[in-house]
Amino acid sequence: MQSAARATAALRPAAEAVRPADNIPVGIALMIGATMLLTLSNAFSKHLVAHYPVGEVMFLRSSIAFGLVCAFMLPATGLGVFRTKRPGAHVARGLSQAISQTLTVLALGLMPLAGVTAIGFSAPLFAAVVAILWHKEVSDPVRWGVLVVGFLGVLVVTNPGADSLQVGALFALGNAVMYGTVTVAVRGMAKTEKAGTLLIWQMAVMAAAHSLLLVFGFRWPSWPDAALFGLLGTSNVGAQYLWTRALASAPATAVSPFYYLMLVWGMALGYLAFGEVPTPHLVVGGVIVVAAGALLLWHETWTRRRGAAPAPSSAPAPSSTPAPSSWPSRLPRPAAVRLHRPDKLGLSRDYAA
């Protein structure tokens, strides 16, 4: 009996090593759920901002979300979840999100839902440009080519003409620039801060920042609209949670392409709820932006893998002399074997706001 137990214990590490750490089908399902909730959140915002001041919509959206996060998180973590050595970075991140989301809601009041969604997909492109110019990251012709094509797609979506860009398109572009550039500055926070700390600081700073917008007007919502405000905050928090779980369940390269389903949901919900018929330039430009974003993600991941791979060793081949008995019977696996999931959150982690 004891020998069998020892044999089982000896086999357990090997079994655990073989068992895959990723659950790609679950990760994909979580990402699809996150895109649906994000689209619903944008649709609720679009409806409410047509009847209530934008400051009221943003404050109630952020404060309800912050209250839900506290209700679910603080009983388990206590106030220790706020403990951090980088409060300034958290405030900068929260303020950038507050401005970015406000610009998004302003754009939703002036543009079709799918159009705002498509322009928002350009945020990773702006992040890549800032990484090259600010962090002096080495680029290559492929990366620059993808960026140029992606920005051409943005121009097709915005459809500039003789009357210049629409005001709503400018707000949407401002959201993409803000979201893409500022998140590059705080990209390393996820390496030192816990996920719960990042989330609760972000929600707290956003609620505080959006409270300042109440000076531009406030009116008591009707009961049906109050329910919509509640659904707005709930869908916002639910999307953040599903997004985080998706990136923790599977590699970013497996789940991030499904993020672009938001364009499909945006077109469908925009047509059903607001009667917005997708125009040819929106469809063509959206496809170009989506293709550029997906190719950029693939290229960045491939470049990181190639850079992380160890150089070929120039050491002489091992001799056939048997190892002394003092040597370990099994050497640890080289690091290259564990490169199947490099930096599993990748670029997409920076755009899950």
Protein backbone atom coordinates (compact mmCIF):
# COMPACT_ATOMS: atom_id res chain seq x y z
CA MET A 1 0.00 0.00 0.00
CA GLN A 2 2.77 2.43 0.92
CA SER A 3 4.73 1.58 -2.21
CA ALA A 4 1.64 2.23 -4.32
CA ALA A 5 1.12 5.57 -2.60
CA ARG A 6 4.74 6.51 -3.19
CA ALA A 7 4.41 5.54 -6.84
CA THR A 8 1.26 7.65 -7.19
CA ALA A 9 2.97 10.62 -5.55
CA ALA A 10 5.93 10.22 -7.86
CA LEU A 11 3.69 10.20 -10.95
CA ARG A 12 1.60 13.22 -9.85
CA PRO A 13 4.18 15.92 -10.79
CA ALA A 14 4.56 14.37 -14.23
CA ALA A 15 0.80 14.32 -14.74
CA GLU A 16 0.48 17.92 -13.61
CA ALA A 17 3.28 18.93 -15.96
CA VAL A 18 1.52 17.30 -18.89
CA ARG A 19 -1.89 18.77 -18.09
CA PRO A 20 -2.39 21.92 -20.20
CA ALA A 21 -2.69 25.20 -18.32
CA ASP A 22 -4.85 26.86 -20.96
CA ASN A 23 -8.53 26.31 -21.58
CA ILE A 24 -8.98 27.92 -24.97
CA PRO A 25 -12.70 27.08 -25.52
CA VAL A 26 -13.59 28.62 -22.15
CA GLY A 27 -11.41 31.65 -22.87
CA ILE A 28 -13.09 32.19 -26.23
CA ALA A 29 -16.56 31.87 -24.68
CA LEU A 30 -15.64 34.41 -21.97
CA MET A 31 -14.30 36.86 -24.56
CA ILE A 32 -17.46 36.57 -26.66
CA GLY A 33 -19.54 37.23 -23.53
CA ALA A 34 -17.38 40.27 -22.73
CA THR A 35 -17.91 41.73 -26.21
CA MET A 36 -21.67 41.27 -25.91
CA LEU A 37 -21.77 43.06 -22.55
CA LEU A 38 -19.53 45.87 -23.82
CA THR A 39 -21.83 46.39 -26.79
CA LEU A 40 -24.87 46.42 -24.49
CA SER A 41 -23.15 48.95 -22.25
CA ASN A 42 -22.51 51.21 -25.25
CA ALA A 43 -26.12 50.82 -26.40
CA PHE A 44 -27.47 51.75 -22.95
CA SER A 45 -25.16 54.78 -22.90
CA LYS A 46 -26.29 55.83 -26.38
CA HIS A 47 -29.95 55.70 -25.36
CA LEU A 48 -29.49 57.47 -22.03
CA VAL A 49 -27.23 60.27 -23.29
CA ALA A 50 -30.01 61.26 -25.69
CA HIS A 51 -32.28 62.06 -22.71
CA TYR A 52 -29.94 62.98 -19.84
CA PRO A 53 -26.83 65.17 -19.45
CA VAL A 54 -23.64 63.38 -20.40
CA GLY A 55 -22.13 64.12 -16.97
CA GLU A 56 -25.05 62.41 -15.24
CA VAL A 57 -24.74 59.36 -17.50
CA MET A 58 -21.01 59.05 -16.87
CA PHE A 59 -21.30 59.57 -13.10
CA LEU A 60 -24.09 57.03 -12.62
CA ARG A 61 -22.34 54.55 -14.91
CA SER A 62 -19.07 54.81 -12.95
CA SER A 63 -20.54 55.09 -9.44
CA ILE A 64 -22.85 52.08 -9.90
CA ALA A 65 -19.95 50.06 -11.27
CA PHE A 66 -17.74 51.14 -8.34
CA GLY A 67 -20.45 50.20 -5.84
CA LEU A 68 -20.83 46.74 -7.38
CA VAL A 69 -17.06 46.16 -7.32
CA CYS A 70 -16.90 47.15 -3.65
CA ALA A 71 -19.88 44.97 -2.75
CA PHE A 72 -18.31 41.87 -4.27
CA MET A 73 -14.63 42.51 -3.53
CA LEU A 74 -14.30 44.21 -0.14
CA PRO A 75 -15.94 41.43 1.93
CA ALA A 76 -13.20 39.07 0.76
CA THR A 77 -10.22 41.45 0.60
CA GLY A 78 -10.98 44.27 3.01
CA LEU A 79 -9.52 47.73 2.48
CA GLY A 80 -6.12 46.14 1.90
CA VAL A 81 -7.04 45.85 -1.78
CA PHE A 82 -6.36 49.61 -2.04
CA ARG A 83 -2.77 49.18 -0.78
CA THR A 84 -0.28 50.19 -3.47
CA LYS A 85 3.13 51.77 -3.91
CA ARG A 86 2.08 53.49 -7.14
CA PRO A 87 -0.93 55.68 -6.35
CA GLY A 88 0.10 58.27 -8.93
CA ALA A 89 0.09 55.70 -11.72
CA HIS A 90 -3.33 54.45 -10.63
CA VAL A 91 -4.74 57.99 -10.66
CA ALA A 92 -3.28 58.62 -14.13
CA ARG A 93 -4.75 55.36 -15.39
CA GLY A 94 -8.17 56.10 -13.89
CA LEU A 95 -8.25 59.65 -15.25
CA SER A 96 -7.31 58.45 -18.72
CA GLN A 97 -10.14 55.92 -18.59
CA ALA A 98 -12.57 58.57 -17.35
CA ILE A 99 -11.71 60.89 -20.25
CA SER A 100 -11.68 58.03 -22.75
CA GLN A 101 -15.11 56.74 -21.75
CA THR A 102 -16.57 60.25 -21.72
CA LEU A 103 -15.37 60.82 -25.27
CA THR A 104 -16.89 57.47 -26.24
CA VAL A 105 -20.31 58.40 -24.85
CA LEU A 106 -20.16 61.80 -26.56
CA ALA A 107 -19.38 60.03 -29.84
CA LEU A 108 -22.24 57.57 -29.28
CA GLY A 109 -24.65 60.49 -29.08
CA LEU A 110 -23.53 61.72 -32.50
CA MET A 111 -22.55 58.59 -34.47
CA PRO A 112 -23.86 55.10 -35.19
CA LEU A 113 -22.98 52.49 -32.59
CA ALA A 114 -20.95 50.40 -35.05
CA GLY A 115 -19.00 53.45 -36.26
CA VAL A 116 -17.82 54.32 -32.75
CA THR A 117 -16.90 50.68 -32.19
CA ALA A 118 -14.87 50.46 -35.40
CA ILE A 119 -12.92 53.65 -34.67
CA GLY A 120 -12.25 52.39 -31.14
CA PHE A 121 -10.46 49.39 -32.64
CA SER A 122 -7.67 51.76 -33.69
CA ALA A 123 -6.50 52.19 -30.08
CA PRO A 124 -3.85 49.42 -30.40
CA LEU A 125 -2.51 51.18 -33.49
CA PHE A 126 -2.00 54.43 -31.56
CA ALA A 127 -0.44 52.44 -28.72
CA ALA A 128 2.06 50.90 -31.14
CA VAL A 129 3.01 54.32 -32.52
CA VAL A 130 3.57 55.74 -29.04
CA ALA A 131 5.62 52.66 -28.07
CA ILE A 132 7.88 53.29 -31.06
CA LEU A 133 8.23 57.05 -30.57
CA TRP A 134 8.18 57.22 -26.75
CA HIS A 135 9.70 53.93 -25.57
CA LYS A 136 12.00 53.73 -28.61
CA GLU A 137 10.84 50.21 -29.37
CA VAL A 138 12.50 48.74 -32.44
CA SER A 139 10.11 48.55 -35.36
CA ASP A 140 10.26 46.89 -38.77
CA PRO A 141 8.63 47.38 -42.19
CA VAL A 142 5.86 44.89 -41.39
CA ARG A 143 4.83 46.80 -38.27
CA TRP A 144 4.86 50.16 -40.03
CA GLY A 145 2.92 48.70 -42.97
CA VAL A 146 0.22 47.35 -40.65
CA LEU A 147 -0.06 50.73 -38.91
CA VAL A 148 -0.41 52.62 -42.20
CA VAL A 149 -3.10 50.22 -43.45
CA GLY A 150 -4.94 50.43 -40.11
CA PHE A 151 -5.02 54.22 -40.14
CA LEU A 152 -6.26 54.18 -43.73
CA GLY A 153 -9.11 51.98 -42.49
CA VAL A 154 -9.90 54.58 -39.83
CA LEU A 155 -10.12 57.24 -42.53
CA VAL A 156 -12.53 55.05 -44.49
CA VAL A 157 -14.74 54.60 -41.40
CA THR A 158 -14.78 58.32 -40.57
CA ASN A 159 -15.53 59.09 -44.25
CA PRO A 160 -14.01 62.58 -44.41
CA GLY A 161 -15.45 64.68 -47.20
CA ALA A 162 -15.83 68.27 -48.24
CA ASP A 163 -17.36 69.11 -44.87
CA SER A 164 -14.37 67.56 -43.03
CA LEU A 165 -14.72 64.99 -40.26
CA GLN A 166 -17.91 64.61 -38.27
CA VAL A 167 -17.76 65.91 -34.72
CA GLY A 168 -18.72 62.46 -33.43
CA ALA A 169 -15.84 60.90 -35.35
CA LEU A 170 -13.45 63.36 -33.72
CA PHE A 171 -14.70 62.33 -30.27
CA ALA A 172 -14.27 58.66 -31.21
CA LEU A 173 -10.75 59.33 -32.48
CA GLY A 174 -9.96 61.21 -29.28
CA ASN A 175 -11.08 58.17 -27.31
CA ALA A 176 -8.81 55.89 -29.35
CA VAL A 177 -5.82 58.22 -28.99
CA MET A 178 -6.34 58.66 -25.25
CA TYR A 179 -6.92 54.97 -24.65
CA GLY A 180 -4.00 53.86 -26.76
CA THR A 181 -1.38 56.39 -25.65
CA VAL A 182 -1.91 56.68 -21.90
CA THR A 183 -2.18 52.94 -21.37
CA VAL A 184 1.29 52.55 -22.89
CA ALA A 185 2.67 54.76 -20.11
CA VAL A 186 1.27 52.48 -17.40
CA ARG A 187 1.64 49.18 -19.27
CA GLY A 188 4.01 47.77 -16.64
CA MET A 189 1.54 48.19 -13.77
CA ALA A 190 0.11 44.72 -14.23
CA LYS A 191 3.53 43.27 -13.35
CA THR A 192 3.58 44.86 -9.90
CA GLU A 193 -0.09 45.39 -9.01
CA LYS A 194 -2.75 42.79 -8.31
CA ALA A 195 -5.75 42.56 -10.61
CA GLY A 196 -8.15 43.51 -7.82
CA THR A 197 -6.09 46.58 -6.94
CA LEU A 198 -6.02 47.69 -10.57
CA LEU A 199 -9.79 47.28 -10.92
CA ILE A 200 -10.91 48.97 -7.71
CA TRP A 201 -8.54 51.94 -8.12
CA GLN A 202 -9.71 52.42 -11.68
CA MET A 203 -13.38 52.38 -10.69
CA ALA A 204 -12.80 54.70 -7.71
CA VAL A 205 -10.87 57.30 -9.71
CA MET A 206 -13.38 57.20 -12.56
CA ALA A 207 -16.33 57.71 -10.19
CA ALA A 208 -14.57 60.65 -8.53
CA ALA A 209 -13.63 62.23 -11.86
CA HIS A 210 -17.09 61.83 -13.36
CA SER A 211 -18.70 63.39 -10.28
CA LEU A 212 -17.14 66.70 -11.39
CA LEU A 213 -19.27 66.56 -14.54
CA LEU A 214 -22.47 66.85 -12.52
CA VAL A 215 -22.03 70.64 -12.53
CA PHE A 216 -23.23 70.55 -16.17
CA GLY A 217 -26.65 69.27 -15.18
CA PHE A 218 -28.62 66.53 -13.45
CA ARG A 219 -32.24 65.41 -13.65
CA TRP A 220 -33.89 62.61 -11.73
CA PRO A 221 -34.40 59.60 -13.99
CA SER A 222 -37.74 57.88 -14.35
CA TRP A 223 -38.07 54.38 -12.92
CA PRO A 224 -37.58 52.64 -16.30
CA ASP A 225 -34.51 54.77 -16.99
CA ALA A 226 -33.21 54.17 -13.46
CA ALA A 227 -33.35 50.46 -14.26
CA LEU A 228 -31.39 51.15 -17.46
CA PHE A 229 -28.76 53.02 -15.45
CA GLY A 230 -28.46 49.97 -13.20
CA LEU A 231 -28.08 47.70 -16.22
CA LEU A 232 -25.48 50.09 -17.62
CA GLY A 233 -23.28 49.84 -14.54
CA THR A 234 -23.81 46.08 -14.24
CA SER A 235 -22.95 45.37 -17.88
CA ASN A 236 -19.84 47.54 -17.57
CA VAL A 237 -18.54 45.60 -14.56
CA GLY A 238 -19.56 42.25 -16.03
CA ALA A 239 -17.67 42.98 -19.22
CA GLN A 240 -14.52 43.88 -17.28
CA TYR A 241 -14.75 40.67 -15.27
CA LEU A 242 -15.33 38.40 -18.29
CA TRP A 243 -12.54 40.14 -20.19
CA THR A 244 -10.06 39.55 -17.37
CA ARG A 245 -11.10 35.92 -16.97
CA ALA A 246 -10.80 35.33 -20.72
CA LEU A 247 -7.21 36.56 -20.80
CA ALA A 248 -6.40 34.47 -17.72
CA SER A 249 -7.92 31.31 -19.23
CA ALA A 250 -6.18 31.28 -22.62
CA PRO A 251 -3.39 33.01 -24.56
CA ALA A 252 -4.19 36.43 -25.95
CA THR A 253 -3.52 35.23 -29.49
CA ALA A 254 -6.35 32.69 -29.10
CA VAL A 255 -9.04 34.94 -27.59
CA SER A 256 -8.24 38.48 -28.76
CA PRO A 257 -9.44 38.00 -32.36
CA PHE A 258 -12.93 37.37 -30.96
CA TYR A 259 -12.87 40.88 -29.46
CA TYR A 260 -13.58 42.19 -32.95
CA LEU A 261 -17.01 40.55 -32.82
CA MET A 262 -18.03 43.83 -31.17
CA LEU A 263 -18.29 45.28 -34.67
CA VAL A 264 -20.84 42.60 -35.60
CA TRP A 265 -22.83 43.11 -32.39
CA GLY A 266 -22.62 46.89 -32.88
CA MET A 267 -24.05 46.68 -36.40
CA ALA A 268 -26.81 44.29 -35.35
CA LEU A 269 -27.83 46.16 -32.19
CA GLY A 270 -27.51 49.53 -33.89
CA TYR A 271 -29.95 48.39 -36.58
CA LEU A 272 -32.41 46.70 -34.20
CA ALA A 273 -32.44 49.34 -31.45
CA PHE A 274 -31.72 52.59 -33.30
CA GLY A 275 -32.50 51.83 -36.96
CA GLU A 276 -28.89 52.45 -38.02
CA VAL A 277 -28.18 50.86 -41.40
CA PRO A 278 -24.45 50.10 -41.88
CA THR A 279 -23.00 52.12 -44.76
CA PRO A 280 -20.50 50.63 -47.26
CA HIS A 281 -17.63 52.79 -45.99
CA LEU A 282 -18.33 51.65 -42.41
CA VAL A 283 -18.26 47.98 -43.39
CA VAL A 284 -15.15 48.27 -45.59
CA GLY A 285 -13.26 50.52 -43.17
CA GLY A 286 -14.24 48.38 -40.20
CA VAL A 287 -12.92 45.25 -41.90
CA ILE A 288 -9.62 47.01 -42.69
CA VAL A 289 -9.18 48.21 -39.09
CA VAL A 290 -10.05 44.78 -37.68
CA ALA A 291 -7.62 43.04 -40.05
CA ALA A 292 -4.85 45.52 -39.18
CA GLY A 293 -5.42 45.10 -35.44
CA ALA A 294 -5.44 41.30 -35.65
CA LEU A 295 -2.29 41.26 -37.81
CA LEU A 296 -0.54 43.66 -35.42
CA LEU A 297 -1.36 41.38 -32.48
CA TRP A 298 -0.04 38.34 -34.36
CA HIS A 299 3.12 40.18 -35.41
CA GLU A 300 3.85 41.47 -31.89
CA THR A 301 3.36 38.01 -30.39
CA TRP A 302 5.56 36.35 -33.02
CA THR A 303 8.27 38.98 -32.48
CA ARG A 304 8.21 38.45 -28.71
CA ARG A 305 8.48 34.70 -29.09
CA ARG A 306 11.41 35.01 -31.44
CA GLY A 307 13.13 37.48 -29.11
CA ALA A 308 12.54 35.28 -26.05
CA ALA A 309 13.86 32.10 -27.66
CA PRO A 310 17.34 31.22 -26.36
CA ALA A 311 20.24 31.50 -28.78
CA PRO A 312 21.78 28.24 -30.01
CA SER A 313 24.39 27.03 -27.59
CA SER A 314 28.00 26.78 -28.75
CA ALA A 315 28.93 24.39 -25.94
CA PRO A 316 30.55 21.10 -27.02
CA ALA A 317 28.35 18.06 -27.31
CA PRO A 318 28.08 16.04 -24.12
CA SER A 319 30.31 13.01 -23.88
CA SER A 320 28.99 9.53 -23.61
CA THR A 321 30.63 9.10 -20.21
CA PRO A 322 28.00 8.10 -17.68
CA ALA A 323 27.14 10.79 -15.13
CA PRO A 324 28.41 10.34 -11.58
CA SER A 325 25.88 9.10 -9.08
CA SER A 326 25.94 12.50 -7.34
CA TRP A 327 24.39 14.15 -10.39
CA PRO A 328 20.60 14.56 -10.44
CA SER A 329 18.80 11.85 -12.35
CA ARG A 330 16.62 14.41 -14.20
CA LEU A 331 17.61 17.92 -15.18
CA PRO A 332 14.98 20.69 -15.20
CA ARG A 333 13.39 21.46 -18.52
CA PRO A 334 15.01 24.37 -20.42
CA ALA A 335 13.12 27.64 -20.50
CA ALA A 336 12.35 27.24 -24.19
CA VAL A 337 9.91 24.45 -23.42
CA ARG A 338 7.80 26.88 -21.39
CA LEU A 339 7.51 29.49 -24.11
CA HIS A 340 4.14 28.19 -25.28
CA ARG A 341 2.43 31.09 -23.51
CA PRO A 342 4.74 34.13 -23.50
CA ASP A 343 3.33 37.20 -21.78
CA LYS A 344 -0.12 35.66 -21.89
CA LEU A 345 -2.00 38.95 -21.64
CA GLY A 346 0.01 40.63 -24.42
CA LEU A 347 -1.31 43.81 -26.03
CA SER A 348 -4.89 42.97 -25.35
CA ARG A 349 -4.42 43.25 -21.64
CA ASP A 350 -3.76 46.96 -22.16
CA TYR A 351 -7.11 47.55 -23.91
CA ALA A 352 -9.36 45.77 -21.39
CA ALA A 353 -10.42 48.89 -19.63
